[in-house]
Amino acid sequence: MFAGGTALTALEDKDLTRLLKRVHDGSLRCPIGPAELHAAGMSYLCDKVEFLRGYDERTVHAILVAVIAERRKLA
């Protein structure tokens, strides 16, 4: 489903963590799209999460955990 672009590099760590928290607590429903981001109060990320669109909750969770872990490893 990846269509190119910057993947998740445009997101700050705090936004990745917020996304993960909201997916985990159910306040951000998957597959993620503009309507789901608006409902979760994360409209400001609409143009930054193309990479996550179309995936189910389990996949989005796995991607976010991996990206966050990799960033912490490199820090």
C-alpha atoms as a PDB file:
ATOM      1  CA  MET A   1       0.000   0.000   0.000  1.00  0.00           C
ATOM      2  CA  PHE A   2       3.009   2.296   0.254  1.00  0.00           C
ATOM      3  CA  ALA A   3       2.772   4.932  -2.435  1.00  0.00           C
ATOM      4  CA  GLY A   4       6.141   6.617  -2.018  1.00  0.00           C
ATOM      5  CA  GLY A   5       6.792   9.891  -0.295  1.00  0.00           C
ATOM      6  CA  THR A   6       8.451  10.325   3.058  1.00  0.00           C
ATOM      7  CA  ALA A   7       6.785   7.394   4.865  1.00  0.00           C
ATOM      8  CA  LEU A   8       6.695   8.362   8.554  1.00  0.00           C
ATOM      9  CA  THR A   9       9.823  10.522   8.609  1.00  0.00           C
ATOM     10  CA  ALA A  10       7.730  13.706   8.701  1.00  0.00           C
ATOM     11  CA  LEU A  11       6.243  12.717  12.059  1.00  0.00           C
ATOM     12  CA  GLU A  12       7.774  13.724  15.350  1.00  0.00           C
ATOM     13  CA  ASP A  13       8.269  11.062  18.005  1.00  0.00           C
ATOM     14  CA  LYS A  14       5.490  12.568  20.112  1.00  0.00           C
ATOM     15  CA  ASP A  15       3.047  12.208  17.199  1.00  0.00           C
ATOM     16  CA  LEU A  16       4.028   8.579  16.637  1.00  0.00           C
ATOM     17  CA  THR A  17       3.449   7.920  20.335  1.00  0.00           C
ATOM     18  CA  ARG A  18       0.067   9.697  20.248  1.00  0.00           C
ATOM     19  CA  LEU A  19      -0.990   7.672  17.221  1.00  0.00           C
ATOM     20  CA  LEU A  20       0.010   4.437  18.913  1.00  0.00           C
ATOM     21  CA  LYS A  21      -1.803   5.368  22.125  1.00  0.00           C
ATOM     22  CA  ARG A  22      -4.990   6.243  20.259  1.00  0.00           C
ATOM     23  CA  VAL A  23      -4.892   3.074  18.167  1.00  0.00           C
ATOM     24  CA  HIS A  24      -4.320   1.066  21.341  1.00  0.00           C
ATOM     25  CA  ASP A  25      -7.173   2.672  23.291  1.00  0.00           C
ATOM     26  CA  GLY A  26      -9.539   2.501  20.310  1.00  0.00           C
ATOM     27  CA  SER A  27     -10.020   6.240  19.865  1.00  0.00           C
ATOM     28  CA  LEU A  28      -8.303   6.072  16.439  1.00  0.00           C
ATOM     29  CA  ARG A  29      -9.987   3.491  14.254  1.00  0.00           C
ATOM     30  CA  CYS A  30      -8.300   1.619  11.449  1.00  0.00           C
ATOM     31  CA  PRO A  31      -7.995   1.748   8.557  1.00  0.00           C
ATOM     32  CA  ILE A  32      -6.807   5.287   9.144  1.00  0.00           C
ATOM     33  CA  GLY A  33      -8.166   8.019   6.931  1.00  0.00           C
ATOM     34  CA  PRO A  34      -9.030  11.706   7.269  1.00  0.00           C
ATOM     35  CA  ALA A  35     -12.357  11.016   9.011  1.00  0.00           C
ATOM     36  CA  GLU A  36     -10.713   8.759  11.591  1.00  0.00           C
ATOM     37  CA  LEU A  37      -7.982  11.313  12.279  1.00  0.00           C
ATOM     38  CA  HIS A  38     -10.566  14.101  12.674  1.00  0.00           C
ATOM     39  CA  ALA A  39     -12.612  11.972  15.081  1.00  0.00           C
ATOM     40  CA  ALA A  40      -9.489  11.256  17.155  1.00  0.00           C
ATOM     41  CA  GLY A  41      -8.540  14.954  17.286  1.00  0.00           C
ATOM     42  CA  MET A  42      -5.495  14.435  15.089  1.00  0.00           C
ATOM     43  CA  SER A  43      -6.526  16.352  11.974  1.00  0.00           C
ATOM     44  CA  TYR A  44      -3.138  18.029  11.845  1.00  0.00           C
ATOM     45  CA  LEU A  45      -1.627  14.688  10.768  1.00  0.00           C
ATOM     46  CA  CYS A  46      -3.856  14.130   7.737  1.00  0.00           C
ATOM     47  CA  ASP A  47      -1.078  14.960   5.282  1.00  0.00           C
ATOM     48  CA  LYS A  48       1.607  13.076   7.211  1.00  0.00           C
ATOM     49  CA  VAL A  49       0.238   9.559   7.618  1.00  0.00           C
ATOM     50  CA  GLU A  50      -0.343   8.409   4.045  1.00  0.00           C
ATOM     51  CA  PHE A  51       1.901   5.438   4.778  1.00  0.00           C
ATOM     52  CA  LEU A  52      -0.557   4.093   7.369  1.00  0.00           C
ATOM     53  CA  ARG A  53      -3.726   4.402   5.314  1.00  0.00           C
ATOM     54  CA  GLY A  54      -5.524   1.229   4.390  1.00  0.00           C
ATOM     55  CA  TYR A  55      -3.914  -1.025   6.995  1.00  0.00           C
ATOM     56  CA  ASP A  56      -5.777  -2.838   9.751  1.00  0.00           C
ATOM     57  CA  GLU A  57      -5.235  -2.109  13.450  1.00  0.00           C
ATOM     58  CA  ARG A  58      -2.760  -4.933  13.976  1.00  0.00           C
ATOM     59  CA  THR A  59      -0.558  -3.774  11.099  1.00  0.00           C
ATOM     60  CA  VAL A  60      -0.676  -0.088  12.104  1.00  0.00           C
ATOM     61  CA  HIS A  61       0.229  -1.058  15.672  1.00  0.00           C
ATOM     62  CA  ALA A  62       3.189  -3.136  14.466  1.00  0.00           C
ATOM     63  CA  ILE A  63       4.464  -0.373  12.169  1.00  0.00           C
ATOM     64  CA  LEU A  64       4.258   2.286  14.881  1.00  0.00           C
ATOM     65  CA  VAL A  65       5.952   0.102  17.490  1.00  0.00           C
ATOM     66  CA  ALA A  66       8.764  -0.708  15.062  1.00  0.00           C
ATOM     67  CA  VAL A  67       9.331   2.918  14.039  1.00  0.00           C
ATOM     68  CA  ILE A  68       9.296   4.160  17.632  1.00  0.00           C
ATOM     69  CA  ALA A  69      11.687   1.412  18.732  1.00  0.00           C
ATOM     70  CA  GLU A  70      14.065   2.110  15.860  1.00  0.00           C
ATOM     71  CA  ARG A  71      14.128   5.825  16.611  1.00  0.00           C
ATOM     72  CA  ARG A  72      14.834   5.189  20.297  1.00  0.00           C
ATOM     73  CA  LYS A  73      17.630   2.818  19.357  1.00  0.00           C
ATOM     74  CA  LEU A  74      19.243   5.480  17.178  1.00  0.00           C
ATOM     75  CA  ALA A  75      18.852   8.256  19.737  1.00  0.00           C
END
